[in-house]
Structures are given as structure tokens and as C-alpha cells.
Amino acid sequence: VIAQEIQKVAPELITETDNHLGVAYGNITGYLIEAIKDLKQEVEE
């Protein structure tokens, strides 16, 4: 992903080190879990 784009959506996933942005990739998993659950509910409906 692009850190600046993720920062707009989920700023808690971003850290800055030496003037460069980094992404806590493992923490994106929580969002993916909830998105999958939302999609499953929509499919069931």
C-alpha cells in the first residue's frame, strides 16, 4: 500500500521514521476481518 493513502483512512497504522512513513501491515488484518464479515452478511442476505 501507499502510506500517505492509508494515513487518510486509518492514521493509526502509520508511523514516521527518518522523515519517511511506514505502515503497520499486520494491523491491517483487523480491518480485513471486519470487511470479510460484512461481505459474508451481505451474501447471506
PDB file of all heavy atoms in Angstrom:
ATOM      1  N   VAL A   1       0.858  -1.177   0.000  1.00  0.00           N
ATOM      2  CA  VAL A   1       0.000   0.000   0.000  1.00  0.00           C
ATOM      3  C   VAL A   1       0.901   1.236   0.000  1.00  0.00           C
ATOM      4  O   VAL A   1       2.104   1.146   0.185  1.00  0.00           O
ATOM      5  CB  VAL A   1      -0.940   0.026   1.227  1.00  0.00           C
ATOM      6  CG1 VAL A   1      -1.912  -1.155   1.196  1.00  0.00           C
ATOM      7  CG2 VAL A   1      -0.159   0.028   2.531  1.00  0.00           C
ATOM      8  N   ILE A   2       0.285   2.403  -0.183  1.00  0.00           N
ATOM      9  CA  ILE A   2       0.986   3.676  -0.106  1.00  0.00           C
ATOM     10  C   ILE A   2       0.644   4.298   1.239  1.00  0.00           C
ATOM     11  O   ILE A   2      -0.537   4.519   1.546  1.00  0.00           O
ATOM     12  CB  ILE A   2       0.571   4.619  -1.252  1.00  0.00           C
ATOM     13  CG1 ILE A   2       0.802   3.959  -2.625  1.00  0.00           C
ATOM     14  CG2 ILE A   2       1.264   5.971  -1.138  1.00  0.00           C
ATOM     15  CD1 ILE A   2       2.254   3.667  -2.941  1.00  0.00           C
ATOM     16  N   ALA A   3       1.650   4.575   2.051  1.00  0.00           N
ATOM     17  CA  ALA A   3       1.424   5.055   3.417  1.00  0.00           C
ATOM     18  C   ALA A   3       0.574   6.317   3.458  1.00  0.00           C
ATOM     19  O   ALA A   3      -0.323   6.446   4.300  1.00  0.00           O
ATOM     20  CB  ALA A   3       2.769   5.294   4.113  1.00  0.00           C
ATOM     21  N   GLN A   4       0.822   7.261   2.554  1.00  0.00           N
ATOM     22  CA  GLN A   4       0.049   8.502   2.557  1.00  0.00           C
ATOM     23  C   GLN A   4      -1.435   8.246   2.304  1.00  0.00           C
ATOM     24  O   GLN A   4      -2.294   8.949   2.846  1.00  0.00           O
ATOM     25  CB  GLN A   4       0.598   9.496   1.518  1.00  0.00           C
ATOM     26  CG  GLN A   4       1.923  10.118   1.911  1.00  0.00           C
ATOM     27  CD  GLN A   4       3.144   9.254   1.596  1.00  0.00           C
ATOM     28  OE1 GLN A   4       3.034   8.062   1.286  1.00  0.00           O
ATOM     29  NE2 GLN A   4       4.327   9.850   1.692  1.00  0.00           N
ATOM     30  N   GLU A   5      -1.753   7.248   1.488  1.00  0.00           N
ATOM     31  CA  GLU A   5      -3.161   6.904   1.224  1.00  0.00           C
ATOM     32  C   GLU A   5      -3.784   6.254   2.458  1.00  0.00           C
ATOM     33  O   GLU A   5      -4.917   6.572   2.821  1.00  0.00           O
ATOM     34  CB  GLU A   5      -3.262   5.974   0.015  1.00  0.00           C
ATOM     35  CG  GLU A   5      -2.865   6.639  -1.284  1.00  0.00           C
ATOM     36  CD  GLU A   5      -2.875   5.689  -2.475  1.00  0.00           C
ATOM     37  OE1 GLU A   5      -3.300   4.515  -2.335  1.00  0.00           O
ATOM     38  OE2 GLU A   5      -2.460   6.128  -3.570  1.00  0.00           O
ATOM     39  N   ILE A   6      -3.067   5.338   3.078  1.00  0.00           N
ATOM     40  CA  ILE A   6      -3.573   4.668   4.282  1.00  0.00           C
ATOM     41  C   ILE A   6      -3.741   5.671   5.410  1.00  0.00           C
ATOM     42  O   ILE A   6      -4.688   5.589   6.194  1.00  0.00           O
ATOM     43  CB  ILE A   6      -2.631   3.515   4.698  1.00  0.00           C
ATOM     44  CG1 ILE A   6      -2.601   2.429   3.625  1.00  0.00           C
ATOM     45  CG2 ILE A   6      -3.032   2.935   6.057  1.00  0.00           C
ATOM     46  CD1 ILE A   6      -3.926   1.731   3.375  1.00  0.00           C
ATOM     47  N   GLN A   7      -2.860   6.649   5.495  1.00  0.00           N
ATOM     48  CA  GLN A   7      -2.918   7.661   6.554  1.00  0.00           C
ATOM     49  C   GLN A   7      -4.248   8.404   6.543  1.00  0.00           C
ATOM     50  O   GLN A   7      -4.776   8.763   7.584  1.00  0.00           O
ATOM     51  CB  GLN A   7      -1.753   8.638   6.371  1.00  0.00           C
ATOM     52  CG  GLN A   7      -1.545   9.576   7.531  1.00  0.00           C
ATOM     53  CD  GLN A   7      -0.261  10.364   7.377  1.00  0.00           C
ATOM     54  OE1 GLN A   7       0.124  10.741   6.270  1.00  0.00           O
ATOM     55  NE2 GLN A   7       0.413  10.606   8.475  1.00  0.00           N
ATOM     56  N   LYS A   8      -4.827   8.598   5.360  1.00  0.00           N
ATOM     57  CA  LYS A   8      -6.118   9.290   5.238  1.00  0.00           C
ATOM     58  C   LYS A   8      -7.270   8.429   5.751  1.00  0.00           C
ATOM     59  O   LYS A   8      -8.274   8.942   6.213  1.00  0.00           O
ATOM     60  CB  LYS A   8      -6.377   9.670   3.780  1.00  0.00           C
ATOM     61  CG  LYS A   8      -5.420  10.701   3.245  1.00  0.00           C
ATOM     62  CD  LYS A   8      -5.640  10.923   1.766  1.00  0.00           C
ATOM     63  CE  LYS A   8      -4.572  11.843   1.189  1.00  0.00           C
ATOM     64  NZ  LYS A   8      -4.651  11.936  -0.271  1.00  0.00           N
ATOM     65  N   VAL A   9      -7.119   7.108   5.657  1.00  0.00           N
ATOM     66  CA  VAL A   9      -8.182   6.169   6.001  1.00  0.00           C
ATOM     67  C   VAL A   9      -8.045   5.652   7.430  1.00  0.00           C
ATOM     68  O   VAL A   9      -9.027   5.572   8.169  1.00  0.00           O
ATOM     69  CB  VAL A   9      -8.166   4.967   5.017  1.00  0.00           C
ATOM     70  CG1 VAL A   9      -9.245   3.955   5.363  1.00  0.00           C
ATOM     71  CG2 VAL A   9      -8.312   5.445   3.588  1.00  0.00           C
ATOM     72  N   ALA A  10      -6.832   5.285   7.809  1.00  0.00           N
ATOM     73  CA  ALA A  10      -6.570   4.677   9.114  1.00  0.00           C
ATOM     74  C   ALA A  10      -5.220   5.179   9.635  1.00  0.00           C
ATOM     75  O   ALA A  10      -4.211   4.467   9.584  1.00  0.00           O
ATOM     76  CB  ALA A  10      -6.581   3.152   8.997  1.00  0.00           C
ATOM     77  N   PRO A  11      -5.176   6.411  10.129  1.00  0.00           N
ATOM     78  CA  PRO A  11      -3.898   7.015  10.529  1.00  0.00           C
ATOM     79  C   PRO A  11      -3.156   6.260  11.628  1.00  0.00           C
ATOM     80  O   PRO A  11      -1.932   6.374  11.737  1.00  0.00           O
ATOM     81  CB  PRO A  11      -4.289   8.421  10.992  1.00  0.00           C
ATOM     82  CG  PRO A  11      -5.755   8.387  11.214  1.00  0.00           C
ATOM     83  CD  PRO A  11      -6.303   7.305  10.337  1.00  0.00           C
ATOM     84  N   GLU A  12      -3.872   5.446  12.414  1.00  0.00           N
ATOM     85  CA  GLU A  12      -3.206   4.693  13.482  1.00  0.00           C
ATOM     86  C   GLU A  12      -2.278   3.615  12.943  1.00  0.00           C
ATOM     87  O   GLU A  12      -1.463   3.059  13.689  1.00  0.00           O
ATOM     88  CB  GLU A  12      -4.242   4.080  14.433  1.00  0.00           C
ATOM     89  CG  GLU A  12      -4.976   2.866  13.901  1.00  0.00           C
ATOM     90  CD  GLU A  12      -6.138   3.158  12.959  1.00  0.00           C
ATOM     91  OE1 GLU A  12      -6.340   4.324  12.576  1.00  0.00           O
ATOM     92  OE2 GLU A  12      -6.842   2.197  12.591  1.00  0.00           O
ATOM     93  N   LEU A  13      -2.355   3.322  11.648  1.00  0.00           N
ATOM     94  CA  LEU A  13      -1.492   2.314  11.034  1.00  0.00           C
ATOM     95  C   LEU A  13      -0.151   2.886  10.569  1.00  0.00           C
ATOM     96  O   LEU A  13       0.704   2.147  10.094  1.00  0.00           O
ATOM     97  CB  LEU A  13      -2.197   1.670   9.825  1.00  0.00           C
ATOM     98  CG  LEU A  13      -3.502   0.917  10.108  1.00  0.00           C
ATOM     99  CD1 LEU A  13      -4.124   0.437   8.814  1.00  0.00           C
ATOM    100  CD2 LEU A  13      -3.263  -0.228  11.058  1.00  0.00           C
ATOM    101  N   ILE A  14       0.022   4.200  10.713  1.00  0.00           N
ATOM    102  CA  ILE A  14       1.185   4.874  10.150  1.00  0.00           C
ATOM    103  C   ILE A  14       2.150   5.333  11.236  1.00  0.00           C
ATOM    104  O   ILE A  14       1.739   5.850  12.270  1.00  0.00           O
ATOM    105  CB  ILE A  14       0.741   6.105   9.321  1.00  0.00           C
ATOM    106  CG1 ILE A  14      -0.238   5.692   8.210  1.00  0.00           C
ATOM    107  CG2 ILE A  14       1.941   6.847   8.740  1.00  0.00           C
ATOM    108  CD1 ILE A  14       0.292   4.678   7.225  1.00  0.00           C
ATOM    109  N   THR A  15       3.445   5.133  10.968  1.00  0.00           N
ATOM    110  CA  THR A  15       4.495   5.696  11.820  1.00  0.00           C
ATOM    111  C   THR A  15       5.491   6.415  10.914  1.00  0.00           C
ATOM    112  O   THR A  15       5.624   6.086   9.735  1.00  0.00           O
ATOM    113  CB  THR A  15       5.246   4.619  12.625  1.00  0.00           C
ATOM    114  OG1 THR A  15       5.807   3.674  11.712  1.00  0.00           O
ATOM    115  CG2 THR A  15       4.344   3.905  13.593  1.00  0.00           C
ATOM    116  N   GLU A  16       6.162   7.400  11.484  1.00  0.00           N
ATOM    117  CA  GLU A  16       7.173   8.132  10.724  1.00  0.00           C
ATOM    118  C   GLU A  16       8.538   7.913  11.354  1.00  0.00           C
ATOM    119  O   GLU A  16       8.703   8.052  12.565  1.00  0.00           O
ATOM    120  CB  GLU A  16       6.844   9.625  10.687  1.00  0.00           C
ATOM    121  CG  GLU A  16       7.784  10.412   9.809  1.00  0.00           C
ATOM    122  CD  GLU A  16       7.356  11.854   9.585  1.00  0.00           C
ATOM    123  OE1 GLU A  16       6.233  12.224   9.954  1.00  0.00           O
ATOM    124  OE2 GLU A  16       8.177  12.600   9.019  1.00  0.00           O
ATOM    125  N   THR A  17       9.497   7.545  10.524  1.00  0.00           N
ATOM    126  CA  THR A  17      10.875   7.343  10.961  1.00  0.00           C
ATOM    127  C   THR A  17      11.795   7.980   9.921  1.00  0.00           C
ATOM    128  O   THR A  17      11.645   7.714   8.724  1.00  0.00           O
ATOM    129  CB  THR A  17      11.206   5.837  11.078  1.00  0.00           C
ATOM    130  OG1 THR A  17      10.246   5.216  11.921  1.00  0.00           O
ATOM    131  CG2 THR A  17      12.590   5.614  11.630  1.00  0.00           C
ATOM    132  N   ASP A  18      12.699   8.802  10.361  1.00  0.00           N
ATOM    133  CA  ASP A  18      13.656   9.453   9.454  1.00  0.00           C
ATOM    134  C   ASP A  18      12.963  10.123   8.275  1.00  0.00           C
ATOM    135  O   ASP A  18      13.390   9.995   7.126  1.00  0.00           O
ATOM    136  CB  ASP A  18      14.700   8.441   8.952  1.00  0.00           C
ATOM    137  CG  ASP A  18      15.542   7.867  10.068  1.00  0.00           C
ATOM    138  OD1 ASP A  18      15.753   8.578  11.058  1.00  0.00           O
ATOM    139  OD2 ASP A  18      15.980   6.702   9.942  1.00  0.00           O
ATOM    140  N   ASN A  19      11.859  10.811   8.555  1.00  0.00           N
ATOM    141  CA  ASN A  19      11.110  11.577   7.553  1.00  0.00           C
ATOM    142  C   ASN A  19      10.444  10.707   6.479  1.00  0.00           C
ATOM    143  O   ASN A  19      10.115  11.193   5.405  1.00  0.00           O
ATOM    144  CB  ASN A  19      12.009  12.634   6.903  1.00  0.00           C
ATOM    145  CG  ASN A  19      11.213  13.787   6.326  1.00  0.00           C
ATOM    146  OD1 ASN A  19      10.143  14.123   6.834  1.00  0.00           O
ATOM    147  ND2 ASN A  19      11.726  14.396   5.275  1.00  0.00           N
ATOM    148  N   HIS A  20      10.312   9.400   6.733  1.00  0.00           N
ATOM    149  CA  HIS A  20       9.591   8.505   5.821  1.00  0.00           C
ATOM    150  C   HIS A  20       8.466   7.823   6.589  1.00  0.00           C
ATOM    151  O   HIS A  20       8.617   7.485   7.763  1.00  0.00           O
ATOM    152  CB  HIS A  20      10.527   7.450   5.221  1.00  0.00           C
ATOM    153  CG  HIS A  20      11.482   8.014   4.227  1.00  0.00           C
ATOM    154  ND1 HIS A  20      12.746   8.439   4.580  1.00  0.00           N
ATOM    155  CD2 HIS A  20      11.359   8.254   2.905  1.00  0.00           C
ATOM    156  CE1 HIS A  20      13.361   8.908   3.504  1.00  0.00           C
ATOM    157  NE2 HIS A  20      12.535   8.803   2.470  1.00  0.00           N
ATOM    158  N   LEU A  21       7.351   7.607   5.907  1.00  0.00           N
ATOM    159  CA  LEU A  21       6.202   6.959   6.533  1.00  0.00           C
ATOM    160  C   LEU A  21       6.289   5.450   6.379  1.00  0.00           C
ATOM    161  O   LEU A  21       6.705   4.942   5.334  1.00  0.00           O
ATOM    162  CB  LEU A  21       4.898   7.468   5.910  1.00  0.00           C
ATOM    163  CG  LEU A  21       4.622   8.963   6.058  1.00  0.00           C
ATOM    164  CD1 LEU A  21       3.288   9.316   5.414  1.00  0.00           C
ATOM    165  CD2 LEU A  21       4.663   9.398   7.506  1.00  0.00           C
ATOM    166  N   GLY A  22       5.859   4.732   7.407  1.00  0.00           N
ATOM    167  CA  GLY A  22       5.797   3.281   7.389  1.00  0.00           C
ATOM    168  C   GLY A  22       4.401   2.821   7.761  1.00  0.00           C
ATOM    169  O   GLY A  22       3.639   3.552   8.394  1.00  0.00           O
ATOM    170  N   VAL A  23       4.059   1.614   7.360  1.00  0.00           N
ATOM    171  CA  VAL A  23       2.733   1.041   7.602  1.00  0.00           C
ATOM    172  C   VAL A  23       2.866  -0.190   8.496  1.00  0.00           C
ATOM    173  O   VAL A  23       3.701  -1.054   8.240  1.00  0.00           O
ATOM    174  CB  VAL A  23       2.059   0.633   6.270  1.00  0.00           C
ATOM    175  CG1 VAL A  23       0.704  -0.005   6.516  1.00  0.00           C
ATOM    176  CG2 VAL A  23       1.930   1.822   5.338  1.00  0.00           C
ATOM    177  N   ALA A  24       2.027  -0.262   9.520  1.00  0.00           N
ATOM    178  CA  ALA A  24       1.954  -1.456  10.366  1.00  0.00           C
ATOM    179  C   ALA A  24       1.070  -2.465   9.623  1.00  0.00           C
ATOM    180  O   ALA A  24      -0.130  -2.571   9.867  1.00  0.00           O
ATOM    181  CB  ALA A  24       1.377  -1.111  11.737  1.00  0.00           C
ATOM    182  N   TYR A  25       1.677  -3.173   8.695  1.00  0.00           N
ATOM    183  CA  TYR A  25       0.916  -4.073   7.816  1.00  0.00           C
ATOM    184  C   TYR A  25       0.109  -5.108   8.586  1.00  0.00           C
ATOM    185  O   TYR A  25      -1.029  -5.408   8.219  1.00  0.00           O
ATOM    186  CB  TYR A  25       1.853  -4.780   6.824  1.00  0.00           C
ATOM    187  CG  TYR A  25       2.149  -3.955   5.603  1.00  0.00           C
ATOM    188  CD1 TYR A  25       3.307  -3.190   5.515  1.00  0.00           C
ATOM    189  CD2 TYR A  25       1.267  -3.942   4.537  1.00  0.00           C
ATOM    190  CE1 TYR A  25       3.577  -2.431   4.388  1.00  0.00           C
ATOM    191  CE2 TYR A  25       1.528  -3.176   3.401  1.00  0.00           C
ATOM    192  CZ  TYR A  25       2.686  -2.431   3.334  1.00  0.00           C
ATOM    193  OH  TYR A  25       2.942  -1.681   2.221  1.00  0.00           O
ATOM    194  N   GLY A  26       0.658  -5.656   9.641  1.00  0.00           N
ATOM    195  CA  GLY A  26      -0.061  -6.673  10.405  1.00  0.00           C
ATOM    196  C   GLY A  26      -1.362  -6.140  10.981  1.00  0.00           C
ATOM    197  O   GLY A  26      -2.329  -6.886  11.132  1.00  0.00           O
ATOM    198  N   ASN A  27      -1.404  -4.855  11.283  1.00  0.00           N
ATOM    199  CA  ASN A  27      -2.597  -4.275  11.893  1.00  0.00           C
ATOM    200  C   ASN A  27      -3.715  -4.027  10.894  1.00  0.00           C
ATOM    201  O   ASN A  27      -4.849  -3.758  11.285  1.00  0.00           O
ATOM    202  CB  ASN A  27      -2.230  -2.987  12.629  1.00  0.00           C
ATOM    203  CG  ASN A  27      -1.283  -3.259  13.781  1.00  0.00           C
ATOM    204  OD1 ASN A  27      -0.994  -4.398  14.103  1.00  0.00           O
ATOM    205  ND2 ASN A  27      -0.796  -2.212  14.391  1.00  0.00           N
ATOM    206  N   ILE A  28      -3.425  -4.120   9.603  1.00  0.00           N
ATOM    207  CA  ILE A  28      -4.478  -4.025   8.586  1.00  0.00           C
ATOM    208  C   ILE A  28      -5.414  -5.230   8.705  1.00  0.00           C
ATOM    209  O   ILE A  28      -6.584  -5.166   8.336  1.00  0.00           O
ATOM    210  CB  ILE A  28      -3.877  -3.930   7.170  1.00  0.00           C
ATOM    211  CG1 ILE A  28      -3.147  -2.591   7.003  1.00  0.00           C
ATOM    212  CG2 ILE A  28      -4.945  -4.084   6.098  1.00  0.00           C
ATOM    213  CD1 ILE A  28      -2.417  -2.434   5.679  1.00  0.00           C
ATOM    214  N   THR A  29      -4.919  -6.313   9.270  1.00  0.00           N
ATOM    215  CA  THR A  29      -5.694  -7.549   9.394  1.00  0.00           C
ATOM    216  C   THR A  29      -7.040  -7.329  10.074  1.00  0.00           C
ATOM    217  O   THR A  29      -8.050  -7.901   9.665  1.00  0.00           O
ATOM    218  CB  THR A  29      -4.881  -8.609  10.165  1.00  0.00           C
ATOM    219  OG1 THR A  29      -3.640  -8.796   9.502  1.00  0.00           O
ATOM    220  CG2 THR A  29      -5.622  -9.921  10.267  1.00  0.00           C
ATOM    221  N   GLY A  30      -7.082  -6.513  11.112  1.00  0.00           N
ATOM    222  CA  GLY A  30      -8.347  -6.246  11.808  1.00  0.00           C
ATOM    223  C   GLY A  30      -9.399  -5.681  10.872  1.00  0.00           C
ATOM    224  O   GLY A  30     -10.571  -6.069  10.918  1.00  0.00           O
ATOM    225  N   TYR A  31      -8.989  -4.762  10.001  1.00  0.00           N
ATOM    226  CA  TYR A  31      -9.920  -4.193   9.025  1.00  0.00           C
ATOM    227  C   TYR A  31     -10.377  -5.258   8.032  1.00  0.00           C
ATOM    228  O   TYR A  31     -11.556  -5.323   7.664  1.00  0.00           O
ATOM    229  CB  TYR A  31      -9.263  -3.028   8.268  1.00  0.00           C
ATOM    230  CG  TYR A  31      -9.178  -1.766   9.094  1.00  0.00           C
ATOM    231  CD1 TYR A  31      -7.990  -1.381   9.688  1.00  0.00           C
ATOM    232  CD2 TYR A  31     -10.305  -0.968   9.285  1.00  0.00           C
ATOM    233  CE1 TYR A  31      -7.915  -0.229  10.455  1.00  0.00           C
ATOM    234  CE2 TYR A  31     -10.239   0.187  10.037  1.00  0.00           C
ATOM    235  CZ  TYR A  31      -9.041   0.553  10.622  1.00  0.00           C
ATOM    236  OH  TYR A  31      -8.973   1.691  11.384  1.00  0.00           O
ATOM    237  N   LEU A  32      -9.453  -6.107   7.605  1.00  0.00           N
ATOM    238  CA  LEU A  32      -9.804  -7.163   6.645  1.00  0.00           C
ATOM    239  C   LEU A  32     -10.795  -8.156   7.248  1.00  0.00           C
ATOM    240  O   LEU A  32     -11.740  -8.583   6.573  1.00  0.00           O
ATOM    241  CB  LEU A  32      -8.544  -7.885   6.171  1.00  0.00           C
ATOM    242  CG  LEU A  32      -7.525  -7.022   5.425  1.00  0.00           C
ATOM    243  CD1 LEU A  32      -6.268  -7.831   5.126  1.00  0.00           C
ATOM    244  CD2 LEU A  32      -8.123  -6.447   4.167  1.00  0.00           C
ATOM    245  N   ILE A  33     -10.604  -8.506   8.509  1.00  0.00           N
ATOM    246  CA  ILE A  33     -11.524  -9.424   9.186  1.00  0.00           C
ATOM    247  C   ILE A  33     -12.939  -8.854   9.184  1.00  0.00           C
ATOM    248  O   ILE A  33     -13.901  -9.540   8.842  1.00  0.00           O
ATOM    249  CB  ILE A  33     -11.050  -9.715  10.627  1.00  0.00           C
ATOM    250  CG1 ILE A  33      -9.804 -10.597  10.604  1.00  0.00           C
ATOM    251  CG2 ILE A  33     -12.159 -10.353  11.468  1.00  0.00           C
ATOM    252  CD1 ILE A  33      -9.096 -10.713  11.944  1.00  0.00           C
ATOM    253  N   GLU A  34     -13.064  -7.590   9.565  1.00  0.00           N
ATOM    254  CA  GLU A  34     -14.395  -6.973   9.627  1.00  0.00           C
ATOM    255  C   GLU A  34     -15.003  -6.812   8.242  1.00  0.00           C
ATOM    256  O   GLU A  34     -16.209  -6.990   8.063  1.00  0.00           O
ATOM    257  CB  GLU A  34     -14.337  -5.634  10.369  1.00  0.00           C
ATOM    258  CG  GLU A  34     -14.024  -5.790  11.847  1.00  0.00           C
ATOM    259  CD  GLU A  34     -14.970  -6.749  12.564  1.00  0.00           C
ATOM    260  OE1 GLU A  34     -16.203  -6.645  12.384  1.00  0.00           O
ATOM    261  OE2 GLU A  34     -14.478  -7.616  13.304  1.00  0.00           O
ATOM    262  N   ALA A  35     -14.194  -6.514   7.226  1.00  0.00           N
ATOM    263  CA  ALA A  35     -14.710  -6.392   5.859  1.00  0.00           C
ATOM    264  C   ALA A  35     -15.235  -7.733   5.360  1.00  0.00           C
ATOM    265  O   ALA A  35     -16.293  -7.804   4.724  1.00  0.00           O
ATOM    266  CB  ALA A  35     -13.618  -5.865   4.924  1.00  0.00           C
ATOM    267  N   ILE A  36     -14.522  -8.810   5.657  1.00  0.00           N
ATOM    268  CA  ILE A  36     -14.973 -10.143   5.246  1.00  0.00           C
ATOM    269  C   ILE A  36     -16.282 -10.493   5.931  1.00  0.00           C
ATOM    270  O   ILE A  36     -17.201 -11.043   5.317  1.00  0.00           O
ATOM    271  CB  ILE A  36     -13.885 -11.199   5.529  1.00  0.00           C
ATOM    272  CG1 ILE A  36     -12.710 -11.000   4.566  1.00  0.00           C
ATOM    273  CG2 ILE A  36     -14.439 -12.620   5.416  1.00  0.00           C
ATOM    274  CD1 ILE A  36     -11.469 -11.787   4.927  1.00  0.00           C
ATOM    275  N   LYS A  37     -16.400 -10.170   7.210  1.00  0.00           N
ATOM    276  CA  LYS A  37     -17.649 -10.448   7.932  1.00  0.00           C
ATOM    277  C   LYS A  37     -18.805  -9.655   7.332  1.00  0.00           C
ATOM    278  O   LYS A  37     -19.915 -10.185   7.184  1.00  0.00           O
ATOM    279  CB  LYS A  37     -17.473 -10.126   9.420  1.00  0.00           C
ATOM    280  CG  LYS A  37     -16.591 -11.143  10.143  1.00  0.00           C
ATOM    281  CD  LYS A  37     -16.102 -10.732  11.498  1.00  0.00           C
ATOM    282  CE  LYS A  37     -17.071 -10.164  12.462  1.00  0.00           C
ATOM    283  NZ  LYS A  37     -16.496  -9.816  13.774  1.00  0.00           N
ATOM    284  N   ASP A  38     -18.552  -8.396   6.960  1.00  0.00           N
ATOM    285  CA  ASP A  38     -19.593  -7.581   6.319  1.00  0.00           C
ATOM    286  C   ASP A  38     -20.020  -8.202   4.989  1.00  0.00           C
ATOM    287  O   ASP A  38     -21.212  -8.270   4.676  1.00  0.00           O
ATOM    288  CB  ASP A  38     -19.097  -6.153   6.068  1.00  0.00           C
ATOM    289  CG  ASP A  38     -18.929  -5.339   7.341  1.00  0.00           C
ATOM    290  OD1 ASP A  38     -19.447  -5.756   8.403  1.00  0.00           O
ATOM    291  OD2 ASP A  38     -18.269  -4.275   7.269  1.00  0.00           O
ATOM    292  N   LEU A  39     -19.051  -8.649   4.196  1.00  0.00           N
ATOM    293  CA  LEU A  39     -19.369  -9.272   2.911  1.00  0.00           C
ATOM    294  C   LEU A  39     -20.144 -10.572   3.090  1.00  0.00           C
ATOM    295  O   LEU A  39     -21.078 -10.857   2.340  1.00  0.00           O
ATOM    296  CB  LEU A  39     -18.088  -9.531   2.119  1.00  0.00           C
ATOM    297  CG  LEU A  39     -17.407  -8.301   1.538  1.00  0.00           C
ATOM    298  CD1 LEU A  39     -16.058  -8.682   0.937  1.00  0.00           C
ATOM    299  CD2 LEU A  39     -18.288  -7.633   0.507  1.00  0.00           C
ATOM    300  N   LYS A  40     -19.760 -11.371   4.092  1.00  0.00           N
ATOM    301  CA  LYS A  40     -20.474 -12.621   4.363  1.00  0.00           C
ATOM    302  C   LYS A  40     -21.929 -12.330   4.711  1.00  0.00           C
ATOM    303  O   LYS A  40     -22.846 -13.001   4.215  1.00  0.00           O
ATOM    304  CB  LYS A  40     -19.814 -13.399   5.491  1.00  0.00           C
ATOM    305  CG  LYS A  40     -20.495 -14.740   5.759  1.00  0.00           C
ATOM    306  CD  LYS A  40     -19.792 -15.495   6.872  1.00  0.00           C
ATOM    307  CE  LYS A  40     -20.319 -16.887   7.069  1.00  0.00           C
ATOM    308  NZ  LYS A  40     -21.736 -17.019   7.304  1.00  0.00           N
ATOM    309  N   GLN A  41     -22.163 -11.319   5.532  1.00  0.00           N
ATOM    310  CA  GLN A  41     -23.527 -10.958   5.896  1.00  0.00           C
ATOM    311  C   GLN A  41     -24.325 -10.524   4.663  1.00  0.00           C
ATOM    312  O   GLN A  41     -25.471 -10.912   4.481  1.00  0.00           O
ATOM    313  CB  GLN A  41     -23.519  -9.836   6.932  1.00  0.00           C
ATOM    314  CG  GLN A  41     -24.912  -9.424   7.376  1.00  0.00           C
ATOM    315  CD  GLN A  41     -24.883  -8.302   8.411  1.00  0.00           C
ATOM    316  OE1 GLN A  41     -23.827  -7.871   8.856  1.00  0.00           O
ATOM    317  NE2 GLN A  41     -26.053  -7.827   8.769  1.00  0.00           N
ATOM    318  N   GLU A  42     -23.690  -9.746   3.800  1.00  0.00           N
ATOM    319  CA  GLU A  42     -24.360  -9.301   2.576  1.00  0.00           C
ATOM    320  C   GLU A  42     -24.697 -10.487   1.672  1.00  0.00           C
ATOM    321  O   GLU A  42     -25.798 -10.564   1.117  1.00  0.00           O
ATOM    322  CB  GLU A  42     -23.467  -8.308   1.836  1.00  0.00           C
ATOM    323  CG  GLU A  42     -24.133  -7.665   0.653  1.00  0.00           C
ATOM    324  CD  GLU A  42     -23.259  -6.599   0.004  1.00  0.00           C
ATOM    325  OE1 GLU A  42     -22.405  -6.000   0.695  1.00  0.00           O
ATOM    326  OE2 GLU A  42     -23.431  -6.391  -1.204  1.00  0.00           O
ATOM    327  N   VAL A  43     -23.770 -11.439   1.532  1.00  0.00           N
ATOM    328  CA  VAL A  43     -24.009 -12.634   0.728  1.00  0.00           C
ATOM    329  C   VAL A  43     -25.175 -13.435   1.297  1.00  0.00           C
ATOM    330  O   VAL A  43     -26.048 -13.906   0.557  1.00  0.00           O
ATOM    331  CB  VAL A  43     -22.732 -13.505   0.629  1.00  0.00           C
ATOM    332  CG1 VAL A  43     -23.047 -14.887   0.082  1.00  0.00           C
ATOM    333  CG2 VAL A  43     -21.683 -12.810  -0.225  1.00  0.00           C
ATOM    334  N   GLU A  44     -25.200 -13.593   2.620  1.00  0.00           N
ATOM    335  CA  GLU A  44     -26.293 -14.339   3.257  1.00  0.00           C
ATOM    336  C   GLU A  44     -27.641 -13.662   3.011  1.00  0.00           C
ATOM    337  O   GLU A  44     -28.642 -14.338   2.741  1.00  0.00           O
ATOM    338  CB  GLU A  44     -26.036 -14.500   4.759  1.00  0.00           C
ATOM    339  CG  GLU A  44     -24.839 -15.377   5.097  1.00  0.00           C
ATOM    340  CD  GLU A  44     -24.926 -16.789   4.535  1.00  0.00           C
ATOM    341  OE1 GLU A  44     -26.035 -17.374   4.531  1.00  0.00           O
ATOM    342  OE2 GLU A  44     -23.890 -17.314   4.095  1.00  0.00           O
ATOM    343  N   GLU A  45     -27.682 -12.330   3.078  1.00  0.00           N
ATOM    344  CA  GLU A  45     -28.921 -11.602   2.810  1.00  0.00           C
ATOM    345  C   GLU A  45     -29.356 -11.761   1.359  1.00  0.00           C
ATOM    346  O   GLU A  45     -30.544 -11.935   1.076  1.00  0.00           O
ATOM    347  CB  GLU A  45     -28.746 -10.116   3.157  1.00  0.00           C
ATOM    348  CG  GLU A  45     -28.654  -9.866   4.656  1.00  0.00           C
ATOM    349  CD  GLU A  45     -28.269  -8.427   4.998  1.00  0.00           C
ATOM    350  OE1 GLU A  45     -28.229  -7.573   4.087  1.00  0.00           O
ATOM    351  OE2 GLU A  45     -27.988  -8.175   6.182  1.00  0.00           O
TER     352      GLU A  45
END
